[in-house]
PDB file of N, CA and C in Angstrom:
ATOM      1  N   LEU A   1     -11.636  27.469 -34.379  1.00  0.00           N
ATOM      2  CA  LEU A   1     -10.688  26.878 -35.302  1.00  0.00           C
ATOM      3  C   LEU A   1     -11.294  25.685 -36.032  1.00  0.00           C
ATOM      4  N   GLN A   2     -12.140  24.956 -35.355  1.00  0.00           N
ATOM      5  CA  GLN A   2     -12.769  23.801 -36.008  1.00  0.00           C
ATOM      6  C   GLN A   2     -13.638  24.255 -37.170  1.00  0.00           C
ATOM      7  N   GLU A   3     -14.351  25.360 -36.998  1.00  0.00           N
ATOM      8  CA  GLU A   3     -15.200  25.865 -38.078  1.00  0.00           C
ATOM      9  C   GLU A   3     -14.356  26.339 -39.265  1.00  0.00           C
ATOM     10  N   VAL A   4     -13.234  26.970 -38.990  1.00  0.00           N
ATOM     11  CA  VAL A   4     -12.319  27.377 -40.064  1.00  0.00           C
ATOM     12  C   VAL A   4     -11.857  26.147 -40.841  1.00  0.00           C
ATOM     13  N   GLU A   5     -11.498  25.100 -40.115  1.00  0.00           N
ATOM     14  CA  GLU A   5     -11.059  23.861 -40.761  1.00  0.00           C
ATOM     15  C   GLU A   5     -12.178  23.258 -41.603  1.00  0.00           C
ATOM     16  N   ASN A   6     -13.393  23.267 -41.085  1.00  0.00           N
ATOM     17  CA  ASN A   6     -14.534  22.729 -41.829  1.00  0.00           C
ATOM     18  C   ASN A   6     -14.750  23.493 -43.130  1.00  0.00           C
ATOM     19  N   ILE A   7     -14.713  24.814 -43.061  1.00  0.00           N
ATOM     20  CA  ILE A   7     -14.911  25.646 -44.256  1.00  0.00           C
ATOM     21  C   ILE A   7     -13.787  25.410 -45.259  1.00  0.00           C
ATOM     22  N   ALA A   8     -12.565  25.314 -44.768  1.00  0.00           N
ATOM     23  CA  ALA A   8     -11.426  25.069 -45.658  1.00  0.00           C
ATOM     24  C   ALA A   8     -11.591  23.742 -46.394  1.00  0.00           C
ATOM     25  N   ARG A   9     -12.025  22.716 -45.689  1.00  0.00           N
ATOM     26  CA  ARG A   9     -12.250  21.406 -46.331  1.00  0.00           C
ATOM     27  C   ARG A   9     -13.345  21.509 -47.394  1.00  0.00           C
ATOM     28  N   GLU A  10     -14.437  22.207 -47.054  1.00  0.00           N
ATOM     29  CA  GLU A  10     -15.543  22.374 -48.004  1.00  0.00           C
ATOM     30  C   GLU A  10     -15.081  23.073 -49.274  1.00  0.00           C
ATOM     31  N   LYS A  11     -14.144  23.990 -49.148  1.00  0.00           N
ATOM     32  CA  LYS A  11     -13.647  24.749 -50.295  1.00  0.00           C
ATOM     33  C   LYS A  11     -12.497  24.045 -51.011  1.00  0.00           C
ATOM     34  N   GLY A  12     -12.117  22.858 -50.529  1.00  0.00           N
ATOM     35  CA  GLY A  12     -11.085  22.079 -51.184  1.00  0.00           C
ATOM     36  C   GLY A  12      -9.665  22.501 -50.845  1.00  0.00           C
ATOM     37  N   CYS A  13      -9.502  23.244 -49.767  1.00  0.00           N
ATOM     38  CA  CYS A  13      -8.159  23.661 -49.354  1.00  0.00           C
ATOM     39  C   CYS A  13      -7.377  22.456 -48.844  1.00  0.00           C
ATOM     40  N   CYS A  14      -6.062  22.505 -49.017  1.00  0.00           N
ATOM     41  CA  CYS A  14      -5.227  21.381 -48.586  1.00  0.00           C
ATOM     42  C   CYS A  14      -4.587  21.626 -47.226  1.00  0.00           C
ATOM     43  N   LYS A  15      -4.629  22.855 -46.726  1.00  0.00           N
ATOM     44  CA  LYS A  15      -4.067  23.137 -45.405  1.00  0.00           C
ATOM     45  C   LYS A  15      -4.570  24.476 -44.891  1.00  0.00           C
ATOM     46  N   VAL A  16      -4.410  24.670 -43.599  1.00  0.00           N
ATOM     47  CA  VAL A  16      -4.687  25.946 -42.937  1.00  0.00           C
ATOM     48  C   VAL A  16      -3.389  26.373 -42.273  1.00  0.00           C
ATOM     49  N   THR A  17      -2.998  27.606 -42.480  1.00  0.00           N
ATOM     50  CA  THR A  17      -1.788  28.111 -41.833  1.00  0.00           C
ATOM     51  C   THR A  17      -2.159  29.236 -40.883  1.00  0.00           C
ATOM     52  N   LEU A  18      -1.403  29.348 -39.817  1.00  0.00           N
ATOM     53  CA  LEU A  18      -1.635  30.363 -38.796  1.00  0.00           C
ATOM     54  C   LEU A  18      -0.350  31.142 -38.560  1.00  0.00           C
ATOM     55  N   GLU A  19      -0.512  32.362 -38.104  1.00  0.00           N
ATOM     56  CA  GLU A  19       0.628  33.215 -37.741  1.00  0.00           C
ATOM     57  C   GLU A  19       0.471  33.588 -36.276  1.00  0.00           C
ATOM     58  N   VAL A  20       1.563  33.521 -35.520  1.00  0.00           N
ATOM     59  CA  VAL A  20       1.502  33.849 -34.096  1.00  0.00           C
ATOM     60  C   VAL A  20       2.859  34.387 -33.654  1.00  0.00           C
ATOM     61  N   LEU A  21       2.844  35.316 -32.735  1.00  0.00           N
ATOM     62  CA  LEU A  21       4.092  35.792 -32.149  1.00  0.00           C
ATOM     63  C   LEU A  21       4.655  34.707 -31.243  1.00  0.00           C
ATOM     64  N   SER A  22       5.960  34.558 -31.228  1.00  0.00           N
ATOM     65  CA  SER A  22       6.588  33.461 -30.487  1.00  0.00           C
ATOM     66  C   SER A  22       6.296  33.502 -28.992  1.00  0.00           C
ATOM     67  N   GLY A  23       5.993  34.661 -28.434  1.00  0.00           N
ATOM     68  CA  GLY A  23       5.716  34.767 -27.007  1.00  0.00           C
ATOM     69  C   GLY A  23       4.265  34.530 -26.622  1.00  0.00           C
ATOM     70  N   ASN A  24       3.401  34.299 -27.593  1.00  0.00           N
ATOM     71  CA  ASN A  24       1.970  34.123 -27.320  1.00  0.00           C
ATOM     72  C   ASN A  24       1.686  32.647 -27.032  1.00  0.00           C
ATOM     73  N   GLN A  25       2.083  32.214 -25.862  1.00  0.00           N
ATOM     74  CA  GLN A  25       1.983  30.801 -25.502  1.00  0.00           C
ATOM     75  C   GLN A  25       0.539  30.326 -25.410  1.00  0.00           C
ATOM     76  N   THR A  26      -0.378  31.203 -25.020  1.00  0.00           N
ATOM     77  CA  THR A  26      -1.791  30.817 -24.943  1.00  0.00           C
ATOM     78  C   THR A  26      -2.303  30.390 -26.314  1.00  0.00           C
ATOM     79  N   ALA A  27      -2.006  31.186 -27.331  1.00  0.00           N
ATOM     80  CA  ALA A  27      -2.431  30.847 -28.692  1.00  0.00           C
ATOM     81  C   ALA A  27      -1.731  29.583 -29.180  1.00  0.00           C
ATOM     82  N   ILE A  28      -0.432  29.484 -28.923  1.00  0.00           N
ATOM     83  CA  ILE A  28       0.337  28.307 -29.347  1.00  0.00           C
ATOM     84  C   ILE A  28      -0.250  27.042 -28.738  1.00  0.00           C
ATOM     85  N   ASN A  29      -0.574  27.089 -27.463  1.00  0.00           N
ATOM     86  CA  ASN A  29      -1.181  25.928 -26.797  1.00  0.00           C
ATOM     87  C   ASN A  29      -2.508  25.561 -27.440  1.00  0.00           C
ATOM     88  N   SER A  30      -3.297  26.570 -27.776  1.00  0.00           N
ATOM     89  CA  SER A  30      -4.588  26.330 -28.415  1.00  0.00           C
ATOM     90  C   SER A  30      -4.403  25.699 -29.787  1.00  0.00           C
ATOM     91  N   TYR A  31      -3.474  26.221 -30.562  1.00  0.00           N
ATOM     92  CA  TYR A  31      -3.216  25.671 -31.894  1.00  0.00           C
ATOM     93  C   TYR A  31      -2.772  24.215 -31.796  1.00  0.00           C
ATOM     94  N   GLN A  32      -1.902  23.915 -30.839  1.00  0.00           N
ATOM     95  CA  GLN A  32      -1.444  22.539 -30.657  1.00  0.00           C
ATOM     96  C   GLN A  32      -2.602  21.630 -30.266  1.00  0.00           C
ATOM     97  N   LYS A  33      -3.488  22.128 -29.419  1.00  0.00           N
ATOM     98  CA  LYS A  33      -4.652  21.352 -28.990  1.00  0.00           C
ATOM     99  C   LYS A  33      -5.524  20.973 -30.186  1.00  0.00           C
ATOM    100  N   PHE A  34      -5.597  21.860 -31.178  1.00  0.00           N
ATOM    101  CA  PHE A  34      -6.403  21.600 -32.366  1.00  0.00           C
ATOM    102  C   PHE A  34      -5.644  20.826 -33.442  1.00  0.00           C
ATOM    103  N   GLY A  35      -4.417  20.383 -33.125  1.00  0.00           N
ATOM    104  CA  GLY A  35      -3.679  19.530 -34.045  1.00  0.00           C
ATOM    105  C   GLY A  35      -2.710  20.241 -34.974  1.00  0.00           C
ATOM    106  N   PHE A  36      -2.539  21.545 -34.812  1.00  0.00           N
ATOM    107  CA  PHE A  36      -1.578  22.273 -35.633  1.00  0.00           C
ATOM    108  C   PHE A  36      -0.166  21.964 -35.159  1.00  0.00           C
ATOM    109  N   ARG A  37       0.777  21.942 -36.096  1.00  0.00           N
ATOM    110  CA  ARG A  37       2.179  21.698 -35.793  1.00  0.00           C
ATOM    111  C   ARG A  37       3.020  22.818 -36.381  1.00  0.00           C
ATOM    112  N   GLN A  38       4.056  23.199 -35.666  1.00  0.00           N
ATOM    113  CA  GLN A  38       4.947  24.256 -36.129  1.00  0.00           C
ATOM    114  C   GLN A  38       5.741  23.784 -37.346  1.00  0.00           C
ATOM    115  N   TYR A  39       5.981  24.689 -38.280  1.00  0.00           N
ATOM    116  CA  TYR A  39       6.827  24.377 -39.426  1.00  0.00           C
ATOM    117  C   TYR A  39       7.662  25.604 -39.755  1.00  0.00           C
ATOM    118  N   GLU A  40       8.715  25.403 -40.495  1.00  0.00           N
ATOM    119  CA  GLU A  40       9.566  26.503 -40.933  1.00  0.00           C
ATOM    120  C   GLU A  40       9.687  26.449 -42.445  1.00  0.00           C
ATOM    121  N   LEU A  41       9.773  27.618 -43.054  1.00  0.00           N
ATOM    122  CA  LEU A  41       9.958  27.684 -44.495  1.00  0.00           C
ATOM    123  C   LEU A  41      11.384  27.303 -44.853  1.00  0.00           C
ATOM    124  N   ASP A  42      11.537  26.730 -46.006  1.00  0.00           N
ATOM    125  CA  ASP A  42      12.863  26.370 -46.502  1.00  0.00           C
ATOM    126  C   ASP A  42      13.623  27.654 -46.831  1.00  0.00           C
ATOM    127  N   PRO A  43      14.724  27.951 -46.123  1.00  0.00           N
ATOM    128  CA  PRO A  43      15.454  29.198 -46.368  1.00  0.00           C
ATOM    129  C   PRO A  43      16.015  29.292 -47.784  1.00  0.00           C
ATOM    130  N   GLU A  44      16.158  28.170 -48.457  1.00  0.00           N
ATOM    131  CA  GLU A  44      16.635  28.172 -49.840  1.00  0.00           C
ATOM    132  C   GLU A  44      15.622  28.832 -50.776  1.00  0.00           C
ATOM    133  N   LYS A  45      14.364  28.873 -50.353  1.00  0.00           N
ATOM    134  CA  LYS A  45      13.304  29.438 -51.193  1.00  0.00           C
ATOM    135  C   LYS A  45      13.101  30.928 -50.954  1.00  0.00           C
ATOM    136  N   GLY A  46      13.832  31.513 -50.023  1.00  0.00           N
ATOM    137  CA  GLY A  46      13.710  32.942 -49.754  1.00  0.00           C
ATOM    138  C   GLY A  46      13.090  33.204 -48.400  1.00  0.00           C
ATOM    139  N   GLN A  47      12.914  34.466 -48.102  1.00  0.00           N
ATOM    140  CA  GLN A  47      12.371  34.889 -46.816  1.00  0.00           C
ATOM    141  C   GLN A  47      10.884  35.209 -46.965  1.00  0.00           C
ATOM    142  N   ALA A  48      10.086  34.763 -46.016  1.00  0.00           N
ATOM    143  CA  ALA A  48       8.647  35.021 -46.054  1.00  0.00           C
ATOM    144  C   ALA A  48       8.370  36.495 -45.793  1.00  0.00           C
ATOM    145  N   GLN A  49       7.307  36.996 -46.397  1.00  0.00           N
ATOM    146  CA  GLN A  49       6.841  38.356 -46.169  1.00  0.00           C
ATOM    147  C   GLN A  49       5.432  38.283 -45.604  1.00  0.00           C
ATOM    148  N   PHE A  50       5.088  39.229 -44.765  1.00  0.00           N
ATOM    149  CA  PHE A  50       3.735  39.324 -44.227  1.00  0.00           C
ATOM    150  C   PHE A  50       3.050  40.509 -44.893  1.00  0.00           C
ATOM    151  N   TRP A  51       1.842  40.303 -45.355  1.00  0.00           N
ATOM    152  CA  TRP A  51       1.072  41.341 -46.032  1.00  0.00           C
ATOM    153  C   TRP A  51      -0.279  41.459 -45.343  1.00  0.00           C
ATOM    154  N   GLU A  52      -0.825  42.654 -45.351  1.00  0.00           N
ATOM    155  CA  GLU A  52      -2.139  42.855 -44.753  1.00  0.00           C
ATOM    156  C   GLU A  52      -2.916  43.894 -45.529  1.00  0.00           C
ATOM    157  N   LYS A  53      -4.218  43.839 -45.377  1.00  0.00           N
ATOM    158  CA  LYS A  53      -5.122  44.851 -45.902  1.00  0.00           C
ATOM    159  C   LYS A  53      -6.105  45.150 -44.802  1.00  0.00           C
ATOM    160  N   LYS A  54      -6.093  46.379 -44.316  1.00  0.00           N
ATOM    161  CA  LYS A  54      -7.002  46.776 -43.243  1.00  0.00           C
ATOM    162  C   LYS A  54      -8.399  46.963 -43.823  1.00  0.00           C
ATOM    163  N   LEU A  55      -9.373  46.425 -43.144  1.00  0.00           N
ATOM    164  CA  LEU A  55     -10.764  46.541 -43.567  1.00  0.00           C
ATOM    165  C   LEU A  55     -11.453  47.608 -42.742  1.00  0.00           C
ATOM    166  N   ALA A  56     -12.054  48.558 -43.412  1.00  0.00           N
ATOM    167  CA  ALA A  56     -12.722  49.663 -42.703  1.00  0.00           C
ATOM    168  C   ALA A  56     -14.148  49.308 -42.376  1.00  0.00           C
TER     169      ALA A  56
END
């Protein structure tokens, strides 16, 4: 995660966001250890969608 943060800073990104299932406490603990904090989207702005592209 530290390397991801370093690359994001180098590219001028303003934040890193992560997605995790609510029951994955191991990942949540790791994210918290690295300084990530949970946030929620403003429901007034609509519902979030998840998109993916599988790489072969």
